[in-house]
Amino acid sequence: MKRDFASMPFDPALEKGAYNAIHVCLRLQPEERITLIIGEENLEITAAFVAQIREIGANYRVFVLEDYQKRPCLSLPKEILEDMKNSQVSLFAADPKPGELKMRMEITGFVNHVHKLRHGHAVSLTKEIMLQGMTADYLAVDDLSSRVIEKARQTEKIHAKTQAGTDIEATFIPELNWVKTSGIITTKKWGNLPGGEIFTSSHRVDGQFVVDGVVGDYLCAKYGDLQTFPLFIDIEDSRIRNLQCENKELLTDFKRYTSVDENSDRVGEFAIGTNLAVTDIIGNILQDEKIPGIHIAFGDPYPHHTGQTWHSSTHIDCVGRDFDIWLDGEKIMNEGEFLL
């Protein structure tokens, strides 16, 4: 199907977020080429991206997933992979569907290992996010992220608490790397859009984590903001030992998701959000995990970046609200506000 994104109308309010994505985060240059992989739900946002690309004068091609496969897409069409080989920049923007994590990991694996691109990953991108998290001052977010990661790299223990009941302690070792994904994307690490976090894989996590924000992957779209019915996760030596939630359907889905393989119930990612434009939970993991605070993920620890020695076929983020955070006893956050 031929789609003319160059003449497709879009809300002018999308321009700032689109400018940030193309000019600031991906830093597309006139002599470069960009591949856009999108879902049909993001046609208007893509038209805003294309307007910025055309302003720069770079070559581009847009692939709408539904034009090539019925969704969920279990693998990426070869034509798209071949096109990415000719590009220096790529952008993925599509809603998550059950079973599509493998396809998305195929994309990130390609840009990590096969053909180094500056890749923006925007799973569940919405107009609301374009008007909020994508309008951040990403140079300021990068500066904050740099200061936080400098402290984190010297830290052995992080303690985090919330009024909702989170009380966890995580330990860290030098062999496991902290990674900055502030929104300023390089070929060293693909980045989410919106950006704004630092992350690693911890040596060990113990305590209770209360998910009164959101859970990730396709469960986020199903359940949204969990403040009314939080998910309580008891963690011992980085493994889920007990789960409680008044929403029994969510409890069943989360148990199923974290039981897929031998490491699906293991804390793989430990992260601190740093996007100052994100001030509240909106029920969308793409933006909500960037809110200042702690989020953890069960499953794959991104071993290529963190240096972790194990992997998983699953990855589900868990976000809470209004954290107090201590790095080796130094308080750096009070009720979701950075003290740096």
Protein backbone atom coordinates (compact mmCIF):
# COMPACT_ATOMS: atom_id res chain seq x y z
CA MET A 1 0.00 0.00 0.00
CA LYS A 2 1.38 3.41 -1.01
CA ARG A 3 1.17 5.97 1.80
CA ASP A 4 2.11 9.62 1.29
CA PHE A 5 3.36 10.77 4.68
CA ALA A 6 4.84 13.93 3.18
CA SER A 7 1.36 15.34 2.49
CA MET A 8 -0.47 13.73 5.42
CA PRO A 9 -1.91 16.34 7.83
CA PHE A 10 -0.98 16.29 11.52
CA ASP A 11 -1.63 18.33 14.65
CA PRO A 12 0.94 21.18 14.84
CA ALA A 13 1.20 20.46 18.59
CA LEU A 14 3.24 17.37 17.63
CA GLU A 15 6.02 19.47 16.11
CA LYS A 16 8.08 20.00 19.30
CA GLY A 17 8.15 16.30 20.20
CA ALA A 18 8.92 15.34 16.60
CA TYR A 19 11.71 17.93 16.45
CA ASN A 20 13.22 16.52 19.66
CA ALA A 21 13.04 12.96 18.31
CA ILE A 22 14.66 13.63 14.94
CA HIS A 23 16.96 16.61 15.58
CA VAL A 24 17.98 16.25 19.25
CA CYS A 25 17.68 12.58 20.22
CA LEU A 26 18.58 10.85 16.95
CA ARG A 27 20.61 13.79 15.55
CA LEU A 28 19.78 12.91 11.96
CA GLN A 29 22.12 14.58 9.42
CA PRO A 30 21.34 15.63 5.80
CA GLU A 31 23.74 13.04 4.33
CA GLU A 32 22.22 10.18 6.36
CA ARG A 33 19.30 7.81 5.82
CA ILE A 34 16.64 6.77 8.32
CA THR A 35 14.33 3.72 8.40
CA LEU A 36 11.00 4.15 10.22
CA ILE A 37 9.09 1.04 11.34
CA ILE A 38 5.62 1.91 12.61
CA GLY A 39 2.25 0.52 13.54
CA GLU A 40 -0.92 1.74 11.85
CA GLU A 41 -1.96 3.45 15.10
CA ASN A 42 0.89 5.98 14.68
CA LEU A 43 0.27 7.38 11.20
CA GLU A 44 -0.29 10.98 12.35
CA ILE A 45 2.80 10.96 14.59
CA THR A 46 4.82 9.50 11.70
CA ALA A 47 3.70 12.35 9.45
CA ALA A 48 5.14 14.75 12.06
CA PHE A 49 8.42 12.79 12.04
CA VAL A 50 8.57 12.85 8.24
CA ALA A 51 8.08 16.63 8.21
CA GLN A 52 11.20 16.99 10.40
CA ILE A 53 13.17 14.51 8.27
CA ARG A 54 12.28 16.40 5.10
CA GLU A 55 13.30 19.67 6.75
CA ILE A 56 16.75 18.17 7.34
CA GLY A 57 16.88 16.82 3.79
CA ALA A 58 17.80 13.25 4.71
CA ASN A 59 16.64 10.17 2.79
CA TYR A 60 14.06 7.98 4.48
CA ARG A 61 11.65 5.09 4.09
CA VAL A 62 8.60 4.31 6.18
CA PHE A 63 7.40 0.74 6.77
CA VAL A 64 3.92 0.21 8.24
CA LEU A 65 3.97 -3.25 9.82
CA GLU A 66 0.37 -4.01 8.85
CA ASP A 67 1.29 -3.55 5.17
CA TYR A 68 3.66 -6.53 5.40
CA GLN A 69 2.23 -8.92 8.02
CA LYS A 70 -0.88 -9.53 10.02
CA ARG A 71 -0.19 -8.55 13.59
CA PRO A 72 1.07 -9.72 15.97
CA CYS A 73 4.33 -9.86 13.97
CA LEU A 74 6.35 -12.79 15.26
CA SER A 75 9.38 -11.84 13.18
CA LEU A 76 10.50 -8.76 11.28
CA PRO A 77 9.91 -8.86 7.50
CA LYS A 78 13.20 -9.35 5.64
CA GLU A 79 12.54 -6.30 3.46
CA ILE A 80 12.68 -4.09 6.54
CA LEU A 81 15.93 -5.64 7.78
CA GLU A 82 17.48 -5.18 4.34
CA ASP A 83 16.44 -1.53 4.31
CA MET A 84 18.00 -0.96 7.76
CA LYS A 85 21.34 -2.12 6.35
CA ASN A 86 21.36 1.00 4.17
CA SER A 87 20.55 3.39 7.02
CA GLN A 88 22.50 5.07 9.80
CA VAL A 89 19.41 5.83 11.89
CA SER A 90 16.20 3.92 12.64
CA LEU A 91 13.02 4.47 14.62
CA PHE A 92 10.43 1.94 15.80
CA ALA A 93 7.01 3.21 16.91
CA ALA A 94 4.25 0.65 17.35
CA ASP A 95 1.97 -0.63 20.09
CA PRO A 96 3.00 -3.94 21.72
CA LYS A 97 1.02 -7.06 20.83
CA PRO A 98 1.20 -10.43 22.62
CA GLY A 99 4.07 -12.42 21.13
CA GLU A 100 5.82 -9.44 19.50
CA LEU A 101 8.64 -9.14 22.05
CA LYS A 102 10.68 -11.57 19.95
CA MET A 103 10.27 -9.31 16.91
CA ARG A 104 11.28 -6.22 18.88
CA MET A 105 14.31 -8.05 20.31
CA GLU A 106 15.21 -8.94 16.71
CA ILE A 107 15.31 -5.23 15.89
CA THR A 108 17.38 -4.26 18.93
CA GLY A 109 19.68 -7.22 18.38
CA PHE A 110 20.23 -6.11 14.80
CA VAL A 111 21.18 -2.55 15.77
CA ASN A 112 23.36 -3.85 18.64
CA HIS A 113 25.28 -6.60 16.91
CA VAL A 114 24.79 -6.62 13.13
CA HIS A 115 24.59 -3.05 11.87
CA LYS A 116 25.28 -0.23 14.34
CA LEU A 117 22.53 2.37 14.03
CA ARG A 118 21.32 5.20 16.22
CA HIS A 119 18.01 3.55 17.03
CA GLY A 120 14.99 5.07 18.76
CA HIS A 121 12.59 2.53 20.28
CA ALA A 122 9.09 3.87 20.99
CA VAL A 123 6.82 0.98 21.95
CA SER A 124 3.33 2.31 22.84
CA LEU A 125 4.06 5.82 21.57
CA THR A 126 0.98 8.04 21.81
CA LYS A 127 0.02 11.63 21.13
CA GLU A 128 -0.11 12.22 24.90
CA ILE A 129 3.54 11.13 25.21
CA MET A 130 4.52 13.31 22.23
CA LEU A 131 3.04 16.28 24.09
CA GLN A 132 4.64 15.39 27.44
CA GLY A 133 7.76 13.23 27.76
CA MET A 134 8.96 13.96 24.23
CA THR A 135 8.94 17.71 24.89
CA ALA A 136 11.61 17.46 27.61
CA ASP A 137 14.80 19.51 27.55
CA TYR A 138 16.94 16.51 26.65
CA LEU A 139 20.21 18.32 27.22
CA ALA A 140 19.09 18.94 30.82
CA VAL A 141 17.92 15.33 31.14
CA ASP A 142 21.29 14.16 29.86
CA ASP A 143 23.10 16.39 32.37
CA LEU A 144 21.03 15.03 35.27
CA SER A 145 21.45 11.45 34.05
CA SER A 146 25.23 11.94 33.88
CA ARG A 147 25.36 13.20 37.46
CA VAL A 148 23.17 10.36 38.78
CA ILE A 149 25.08 7.65 36.93
CA GLU A 150 28.41 9.00 38.22
CA LYS A 151 27.14 8.47 41.77
CA ALA A 152 25.54 5.11 40.95
CA ARG A 153 28.77 3.71 39.52
CA GLN A 154 30.43 4.27 42.90
CA THR A 155 27.54 2.78 44.87
CA GLU A 156 27.45 -0.63 46.56
CA LYS A 157 23.91 -0.48 47.99
CA ILE A 158 20.74 1.34 47.00
CA HIS A 159 17.84 1.52 49.43
CA ALA A 160 14.42 2.63 48.20
CA LYS A 161 11.11 3.16 49.99
CA THR A 162 7.64 4.51 49.18
CA GLN A 163 4.57 5.30 51.25
CA ALA A 164 2.74 2.57 49.32
CA GLY A 165 4.98 -0.04 50.97
CA THR A 166 8.03 -0.49 48.77
CA ASP A 167 11.10 -1.23 50.86
CA ILE A 168 13.93 -2.80 48.87
CA GLU A 169 17.69 -3.01 49.06
CA ALA A 170 19.80 -3.71 45.99
CA THR A 171 23.52 -4.50 45.90
CA PHE A 172 25.83 -3.82 42.98
CA ILE A 173 29.24 -5.05 41.81
CA PRO A 174 31.77 -3.37 39.48
CA GLU A 175 31.53 -6.19 36.94
CA LEU A 176 27.96 -5.10 36.06
CA ASN A 177 27.72 -1.87 34.08
CA TRP A 178 25.46 1.12 34.58
CA VAL A 179 24.07 2.41 31.25
CA LYS A 180 22.73 5.89 30.51
CA THR A 181 19.78 6.25 28.12
CA SER A 182 18.99 9.92 28.54
CA GLY A 183 17.36 10.40 25.15
CA ILE A 184 20.60 11.41 23.43
CA ILE A 185 21.06 8.25 21.34
CA THR A 186 24.37 6.87 20.07
CA THR A 187 25.42 3.68 18.29
CA LYS A 188 26.62 2.30 21.64
CA LYS A 189 23.07 1.74 22.91
CA TRP A 190 19.67 2.02 21.30
CA GLY A 191 17.36 4.22 23.34
CA ASN A 192 13.71 4.53 24.22
CA LEU A 193 11.82 7.60 23.10
CA PRO A 194 11.02 9.34 25.32
CA GLY A 195 14.36 8.81 27.03
CA GLY A 196 15.48 9.54 30.57
CA GLU A 197 16.87 6.76 32.73
CA ILE A 198 20.00 5.02 33.91
CA PHE A 199 19.98 1.26 34.42
CA THR A 200 22.06 -1.77 35.28
CA SER A 201 21.58 -5.36 36.37
CA SER A 202 21.97 -5.60 40.12
CA HIS A 203 23.95 -8.29 41.94
CA ARG A 204 21.05 -8.90 44.33
CA VAL A 205 17.67 -7.41 45.27
CA ASP A 206 15.69 -8.14 48.44
CA GLY A 207 12.50 -6.73 49.95
CA GLN A 208 9.02 -5.76 48.81
CA PHE A 209 8.36 -3.78 45.63
CA VAL A 210 4.87 -2.27 45.33
CA VAL A 211 3.78 -1.62 41.75
CA ASP A 212 1.36 1.28 42.20
CA GLY A 213 2.36 2.68 38.81
CA VAL A 214 2.34 0.32 35.83
CA VAL A 215 3.61 -3.03 34.60
CA GLY A 216 5.16 -3.37 31.17
CA ASP A 217 4.83 -5.06 27.79
CA TYR A 218 1.29 -5.77 26.54
CA LEU A 219 -0.05 -5.99 30.12
CA CYS A 220 0.31 -2.22 30.41
CA ALA A 221 -2.33 -1.53 27.77
CA LYS A 222 -4.62 -4.06 29.45
CA TYR A 223 -4.35 -2.79 33.03
CA GLY A 224 -3.02 0.79 32.88
CA ASP A 225 -2.47 2.71 36.13
CA LEU A 226 -2.37 0.32 39.11
CA GLN A 227 -2.69 2.89 41.90
CA THR A 228 -6.15 1.64 42.90
CA PHE A 229 -5.15 -2.05 42.94
CA PRO A 230 -1.35 -2.25 43.39
CA LEU A 231 0.68 -5.38 42.78
CA PHE A 232 2.79 -6.41 45.78
CA ILE A 233 5.96 -8.33 44.91
CA ASP A 234 8.10 -9.99 47.58
CA ILE A 235 11.66 -10.47 46.33
CA GLU A 236 14.33 -12.70 47.85
CA ASP A 237 17.79 -12.95 46.29
CA SER A 238 16.40 -11.28 43.13
CA ARG A 239 13.63 -13.88 42.68
CA ILE A 240 9.88 -13.44 43.08
CA ARG A 241 8.86 -15.30 46.25
CA ASN A 242 5.28 -14.09 46.59
CA LEU A 243 2.74 -12.01 44.69
CA GLN A 244 -0.42 -10.33 45.96
CA CYS A 245 -3.00 -8.18 44.21
CA GLU A 246 -6.72 -7.57 44.61
CA ASN A 247 -7.03 -7.68 40.83
CA LYS A 248 -6.91 -11.46 40.40
CA GLU A 249 -6.82 -11.32 36.61
CA LEU A 250 -3.70 -9.14 36.71
CA LEU A 251 -2.20 -11.48 39.30
CA THR A 252 -2.79 -14.47 37.02
CA ASP A 253 -1.39 -12.69 33.95
CA PHE A 254 1.69 -11.47 35.80
CA LYS A 255 2.38 -14.93 37.25
CA ARG A 256 2.08 -16.43 33.79
CA TYR A 257 4.39 -13.82 32.25
CA THR A 258 7.06 -14.32 34.92
CA SER A 259 6.96 -18.11 34.60
CA VAL A 260 7.88 -18.49 30.93
CA ASP A 261 11.49 -19.55 31.45
CA GLU A 262 13.93 -20.15 34.30
CA ASN A 263 14.84 -16.45 34.59
CA SER A 264 11.48 -14.80 33.89
CA ASP A 265 10.95 -14.28 37.65
CA ARG A 266 14.43 -12.86 38.26
CA VAL A 267 15.20 -9.15 38.61
CA GLY A 268 17.13 -8.39 35.44
CA GLU A 269 17.02 -4.60 35.28
CA PHE A 270 17.36 -2.01 38.05
CA ALA A 271 16.77 1.56 36.87
CA ILE A 272 16.38 5.17 37.98
CA GLY A 273 14.16 7.44 35.88
CA THR A 274 15.50 10.92 35.05
CA ASN A 275 13.03 12.60 32.67
CA LEU A 276 12.04 15.83 34.43
CA ALA A 277 9.14 16.42 32.02
CA VAL A 278 7.41 13.31 33.38
CA THR A 279 5.62 14.30 36.57
CA ASP A 280 2.87 11.69 36.99
CA ILE A 281 1.86 8.19 35.91
CA ILE A 282 -0.29 8.15 32.76
CA GLY A 283 -0.73 4.38 32.43
CA ASN A 284 1.80 3.92 29.61
CA ILE A 285 5.07 2.11 30.36
CA LEU A 286 7.02 3.88 27.60
CA GLN A 287 6.75 7.19 29.44
CA ASP A 288 5.99 6.07 32.99
CA GLU A 289 9.28 4.20 33.45
CA LYS A 290 11.12 7.51 32.85
CA ILE A 291 9.45 9.23 35.82
CA PRO A 292 12.00 10.17 38.52
CA GLY A 293 12.11 7.14 40.80
CA ILE A 294 12.97 3.44 40.70
CA HIS A 295 11.70 0.83 38.30
CA ILE A 296 12.77 -2.79 38.06
CA ALA A 297 12.18 -5.41 35.40
CA PHE A 298 11.89 -9.16 35.72
CA GLY A 299 13.50 -11.14 32.93
CA ASP A 300 16.16 -10.26 30.41
CA PRO A 301 18.97 -8.08 31.92
CA TYR A 302 20.26 -6.74 28.57
CA PRO A 303 23.52 -8.70 29.08
CA HIS A 304 25.20 -7.14 26.03
CA HIS A 305 25.07 -3.76 27.80
CA THR A 306 25.08 -4.60 31.51
CA GLY A 307 27.60 -7.45 31.42
CA GLN A 308 25.19 -9.81 33.17
CA THR A 309 25.91 -13.52 32.61
CA TRP A 310 22.36 -14.82 32.12
CA HIS A 311 19.42 -13.99 29.86
CA SER A 312 15.69 -14.50 29.48
CA SER A 313 13.17 -14.58 26.65
CA THR A 314 10.90 -12.18 28.60
CA HIS A 315 11.22 -8.69 30.10
CA ILE A 316 8.50 -6.92 32.09
CA ASP A 317 9.01 -3.56 33.78
CA CYS A 318 7.43 -2.60 37.09
CA VAL A 319 7.03 1.06 38.06
CA GLY A 320 6.17 2.62 41.42
CA ARG A 321 5.42 6.15 42.63
CA ASP A 322 7.04 8.79 44.85
CA PHE A 323 10.30 7.18 45.90
CA ASP A 324 12.77 7.99 48.62
CA ILE A 325 16.18 6.76 47.43
CA TRP A 326 19.51 6.40 49.23
CA LEU A 327 22.83 5.59 47.54
CA ASP A 328 25.17 4.14 50.16
CA GLY A 329 23.25 6.11 52.78
CA GLU A 330 23.16 9.43 50.86
CA LYS A 331 19.60 10.48 50.12
CA ILE A 332 19.26 11.58 46.50
CA MET A 333 15.46 11.59 46.17
CA ASN A 334 12.57 12.52 48.43
CA GLU A 335 9.03 11.52 47.39
CA GLY A 336 9.99 11.52 43.73
CA GLU A 337 11.99 14.76 43.77
CA PHE A 338 15.74 14.68 43.08
CA LEU A 339 17.87 16.29 45.81
CA LEU A 340 20.99 16.61 43.67
